[in-house]
Amino acid sequence: MLSDLLILLIYLGGTEIIAYFLLVIGEYGISSAITQRFRLPVSELKK
């Protein structure tokens, strides 16, 4: 998996891959933050 990503980095020149990874990581962070915000009120209600 990682070796494939390194090959892609070499082929595409890096900047596009880095931008894509930042976008994916950013979206994952945002979505996980949203799910955590929805989970917290639910756990508060269960008390």
PDB file of N, CA and C in Angstrom:
ATOM      1  N   MET A   1       0.843  -1.209   0.000  1.00  0.00           N
ATOM      2  CA  MET A   1       0.000   0.000   0.000  1.00  0.00           C
ATOM      3  C   MET A   1       0.875   1.254   0.000  1.00  0.00           C
ATOM      4  N   LEU A   2       1.779   1.350   0.973  1.00  0.00           N
ATOM      5  CA  LEU A   2       2.640   2.535   1.057  1.00  0.00           C
ATOM      6  C   LEU A   2       3.572   2.633  -0.139  1.00  0.00           C
ATOM      7  N   SER A   3       4.074   1.478  -0.616  1.00  0.00           N
ATOM      8  CA  SER A   3       4.963   1.517  -1.779  1.00  0.00           C
ATOM      9  C   SER A   3       4.218   2.013  -3.007  1.00  0.00           C
ATOM     10  N   ASP A   4       2.943   1.612  -3.157  1.00  0.00           N
ATOM     11  CA  ASP A   4       2.129   2.113  -4.268  1.00  0.00           C
ATOM     12  C   ASP A   4       1.981   3.624  -4.184  1.00  0.00           C
ATOM     13  N   LEU A   5       1.773   4.142  -2.977  1.00  0.00           N
ATOM     14  CA  LEU A   5       1.631   5.588  -2.810  1.00  0.00           C
ATOM     15  C   LEU A   5       2.931   6.304  -3.152  1.00  0.00           C
ATOM     16  N   LEU A   6       4.064   5.705  -2.783  1.00  0.00           N
ATOM     17  CA  LEU A   6       5.354   6.319  -3.119  1.00  0.00           C
ATOM     18  C   LEU A   6       5.557   6.353  -4.622  1.00  0.00           C
ATOM     19  N   ILE A   7       5.151   5.267  -5.312  1.00  0.00           N
ATOM     20  CA  ILE A   7       5.261   5.238  -6.773  1.00  0.00           C
ATOM     21  C   ILE A   7       4.388   6.327  -7.382  1.00  0.00           C
ATOM     22  N   LEU A   8       3.170   6.482  -6.859  1.00  0.00           N
ATOM     23  CA  LEU A   8       2.288   7.551  -7.340  1.00  0.00           C
ATOM     24  C   LEU A   8       2.927   8.918  -7.113  1.00  0.00           C
ATOM     25  N   LEU A   9       3.544   9.098  -5.953  1.00  0.00           N
ATOM     26  CA  LEU A   9       4.230  10.362  -5.662  1.00  0.00           C
ATOM     27  C   LEU A   9       5.284  10.656  -6.716  1.00  0.00           C
ATOM     28  N   ILE A  10       6.074   9.633  -7.046  1.00  0.00           N
ATOM     29  CA  ILE A  10       7.146   9.823  -8.024  1.00  0.00           C
ATOM     30  C   ILE A  10       6.556  10.134  -9.394  1.00  0.00           C
ATOM     31  N   TYR A  11       5.493   9.424  -9.769  1.00  0.00           N
ATOM     32  CA  TYR A  11       4.909   9.622 -11.099  1.00  0.00           C
ATOM     33  C   TYR A  11       4.275  10.999 -11.245  1.00  0.00           C
ATOM     34  N   LEU A  12       3.515  11.421 -10.252  1.00  0.00           N
ATOM     35  CA  LEU A  12       2.715  12.635 -10.412  1.00  0.00           C
ATOM     36  C   LEU A  12       3.424  13.890  -9.926  1.00  0.00           C
ATOM     37  N   GLY A  13       4.593  13.725  -9.314  1.00  0.00           N
ATOM     38  CA  GLY A  13       5.374  14.898  -8.957  1.00  0.00           C
ATOM     39  C   GLY A  13       5.143  15.399  -7.546  1.00  0.00           C
ATOM     40  N   GLY A  14       4.221  14.775  -6.808  1.00  0.00           N
ATOM     41  CA  GLY A  14       4.134  15.043  -5.380  1.00  0.00           C
ATOM     42  C   GLY A  14       3.103  16.078  -4.978  1.00  0.00           C
ATOM     43  N   THR A  15       3.067  17.239  -5.626  1.00  0.00           N
ATOM     44  CA  THR A  15       2.230  18.327  -5.108  1.00  0.00           C
ATOM     45  C   THR A  15       0.752  17.960  -5.153  1.00  0.00           C
ATOM     46  N   GLU A  16       0.317  17.322  -6.246  1.00  0.00           N
ATOM     47  CA  GLU A  16      -1.095  16.958  -6.351  1.00  0.00           C
ATOM     48  C   GLU A  16      -1.460  15.907  -5.309  1.00  0.00           C
ATOM     49  N   ILE A  17      -0.552  14.949  -5.101  1.00  0.00           N
ATOM     50  CA  ILE A  17      -0.796  13.900  -4.110  1.00  0.00           C
ATOM     51  C   ILE A  17      -0.879  14.501  -2.710  1.00  0.00           C
ATOM     52  N   ILE A  18       0.052  15.411  -2.400  1.00  0.00           N
ATOM     53  CA  ILE A  18       0.060  16.035  -1.073  1.00  0.00           C
ATOM     54  C   ILE A  18      -1.226  16.821  -0.852  1.00  0.00           C
ATOM     55  N   ALA A  19      -1.654  17.565  -1.890  1.00  0.00           N
ATOM     56  CA  ALA A  19      -2.895  18.327  -1.776  1.00  0.00           C
ATOM     57  C   ALA A  19      -4.073  17.383  -1.565  1.00  0.00           C
ATOM     58  N   TYR A  20      -4.075  16.252  -2.279  1.00  0.00           N
ATOM     59  CA  TYR A  20      -5.159  15.282  -2.136  1.00  0.00           C
ATOM     60  C   TYR A  20      -5.179  14.695  -0.731  1.00  0.00           C
ATOM     61  N   PHE A  21      -4.002  14.358  -0.208  1.00  0.00           N
ATOM     62  CA  PHE A  21      -3.936  13.796   1.140  1.00  0.00           C
ATOM     63  C   PHE A  21      -4.413  14.802   2.177  1.00  0.00           C
ATOM     64  N   LEU A  22      -4.005  16.060   2.019  1.00  0.00           N
ATOM     65  CA  LEU A  22      -4.459  17.093   2.949  1.00  0.00           C
ATOM     66  C   LEU A  22      -5.972  17.219   2.900  1.00  0.00           C
ATOM     67  N   LEU A  23      -6.543  17.126   1.689  1.00  0.00           N
ATOM     68  CA  LEU A  23      -7.988  17.231   1.534  1.00  0.00           C
ATOM     69  C   LEU A  23      -8.678  16.058   2.226  1.00  0.00           C
ATOM     70  N   VAL A  24      -8.158  14.839   2.001  1.00  0.00           N
ATOM     71  CA  VAL A  24      -8.758  13.645   2.607  1.00  0.00           C
ATOM     72  C   VAL A  24      -8.646  13.709   4.124  1.00  0.00           C
ATOM     73  N   ILE A  25      -7.455  14.075   4.622  1.00  0.00           N
ATOM     74  CA  ILE A  25      -7.250  14.159   6.070  1.00  0.00           C
ATOM     75  C   ILE A  25      -8.154  15.231   6.667  1.00  0.00           C
ATOM     76  N   GLY A  26      -8.286  16.357   5.968  1.00  0.00           N
ATOM     77  CA  GLY A  26      -9.152  17.429   6.449  1.00  0.00           C
ATOM     78  C   GLY A  26     -10.602  16.992   6.512  1.00  0.00           C
ATOM     79  N   GLU A  27     -11.076  16.322   5.454  1.00  0.00           N
ATOM     80  CA  GLU A  27     -12.466  15.863   5.450  1.00  0.00           C
ATOM     81  C   GLU A  27     -12.687  14.818   6.534  1.00  0.00           C
ATOM     82  N   TYR A  28     -11.704  13.919   6.732  1.00  0.00           N
ATOM     83  CA  TYR A  28     -11.842  12.895   7.762  1.00  0.00           C
ATOM     84  C   TYR A  28     -11.882  13.542   9.144  1.00  0.00           C
ATOM     85  N   GLY A  29     -11.028  14.528   9.374  1.00  0.00           N
ATOM     86  CA  GLY A  29     -11.016  15.220  10.661  1.00  0.00           C
ATOM     87  C   GLY A  29     -12.326  15.936  10.925  1.00  0.00           C
ATOM     88  N   ILE A  30     -12.862  16.590   9.881  1.00  0.00           N
ATOM     89  CA  ILE A  30     -14.126  17.317  10.045  1.00  0.00           C
ATOM     90  C   ILE A  30     -15.258  16.341  10.333  1.00  0.00           C
ATOM     91  N   SER A  31     -15.325  15.245   9.571  1.00  0.00           N
ATOM     92  CA  SER A  31     -16.424  14.297   9.753  1.00  0.00           C
ATOM     93  C   SER A  31     -16.339  13.628  11.123  1.00  0.00           C
ATOM     94  N   SER A  32     -15.119  13.298  11.583  1.00  0.00           N
ATOM     95  CA  SER A  32     -14.986  12.677  12.898  1.00  0.00           C
ATOM     96  C   SER A  32     -15.353  13.667  13.997  1.00  0.00           C
ATOM     97  N   ALA A  33     -15.016  14.951  13.797  1.00  0.00           N
ATOM     98  CA  ALA A  33     -15.384  15.969  14.782  1.00  0.00           C
ATOM     99  C   ALA A  33     -16.901  16.108  14.854  1.00  0.00           C
ATOM    100  N   ILE A  34     -17.563  16.047  13.697  1.00  0.00           N
ATOM    101  CA  ILE A  34     -19.030  16.151  13.673  1.00  0.00           C
ATOM    102  C   ILE A  34     -19.646  14.954  14.391  1.00  0.00           C
ATOM    103  N   THR A  35     -19.140  13.742  14.116  1.00  0.00           N
ATOM    104  CA  THR A  35     -19.714  12.559  14.761  1.00  0.00           C
ATOM    105  C   THR A  35     -19.485  12.604  16.265  1.00  0.00           C
ATOM    106  N   GLN A  36     -18.321  13.119  16.693  1.00  0.00           N
ATOM    107  CA  GLN A  36     -18.071  13.234  18.128  1.00  0.00           C
ATOM    108  C   GLN A  36     -19.045  14.224  18.757  1.00  0.00           C
ATOM    109  N   ARG A  37     -19.339  15.309  18.047  1.00  0.00           N
ATOM    110  CA  ARG A  37     -20.281  16.295  18.587  1.00  0.00           C
ATOM    111  C   ARG A  37     -21.674  15.708  18.710  1.00  0.00           C
ATOM    112  N   PHE A  38     -22.053  14.826  17.776  1.00  0.00           N
ATOM    113  CA  PHE A  38     -23.372  14.201  17.874  1.00  0.00           C
ATOM    114  C   PHE A  38     -23.398  13.132  18.956  1.00  0.00           C
ATOM    115  N   ARG A  39     -22.261  12.476  19.177  1.00  0.00           N
ATOM    116  CA  ARG A  39     -22.223  11.413  20.185  1.00  0.00           C
ATOM    117  C   ARG A  39     -22.292  11.984  21.596  1.00  0.00           C
ATOM    118  N   LEU A  40     -21.638  13.121  21.817  1.00  0.00           N
ATOM    119  CA  LEU A  40     -21.589  13.675  23.171  1.00  0.00           C
ATOM    120  C   LEU A  40     -22.979  14.002  23.720  1.00  0.00           C
ATOM    121  N   PRO A  41     -23.858  14.700  22.968  1.00  0.00           N
ATOM    122  CA  PRO A  41     -25.196  14.965  23.500  1.00  0.00           C
ATOM    123  C   PRO A  41     -25.973  13.677  23.771  1.00  0.00           C
ATOM    124  N   VAL A  42     -25.777  12.658  22.946  1.00  0.00           N
ATOM    125  CA  VAL A  42     -26.483  11.390  23.155  1.00  0.00           C
ATOM    126  C   VAL A  42     -26.046  10.762  24.473  1.00  0.00           C
ATOM    127  N   SER A  43     -24.732  10.763  24.743  1.00  0.00           N
ATOM    128  CA  SER A  43     -24.252  10.185  25.998  1.00  0.00           C
ATOM    129  C   SER A  43     -24.733  11.007  27.189  1.00  0.00           C
ATOM    130  N   GLU A  44     -24.871  12.315  27.005  1.00  0.00           N
ATOM    131  CA  GLU A  44     -25.393  13.163  28.081  1.00  0.00           C
ATOM    132  C   GLU A  44     -26.862  12.852  28.347  1.00  0.00           C
ATOM    133  N   LEU A  45     -27.615  12.582  27.283  1.00  0.00           N
ATOM    134  CA  LEU A  45     -29.037  12.276  27.453  1.00  0.00           C
ATOM    135  C   LEU A  45     -29.225  10.935  28.156  1.00  0.00           C
ATOM    136  N   LYS A  46     -28.320   9.985  27.898  1.00  0.00           N
ATOM    137  CA  LYS A  46     -28.458   8.661  28.507  1.00  0.00           C
ATOM    138  C   LYS A  46     -28.259   8.724  30.017  1.00  0.00           C
ATOM    139  N   LYS A  47     -27.520   9.707  30.491  1.00  0.00           N
ATOM    140  CA  LYS A  47     -27.355   9.873  31.940  1.00  0.00           C
ATOM    141  C   LYS A  47     -28.679  10.329  32.525  1.00  0.00           C
TER     142      LYS A  47
END
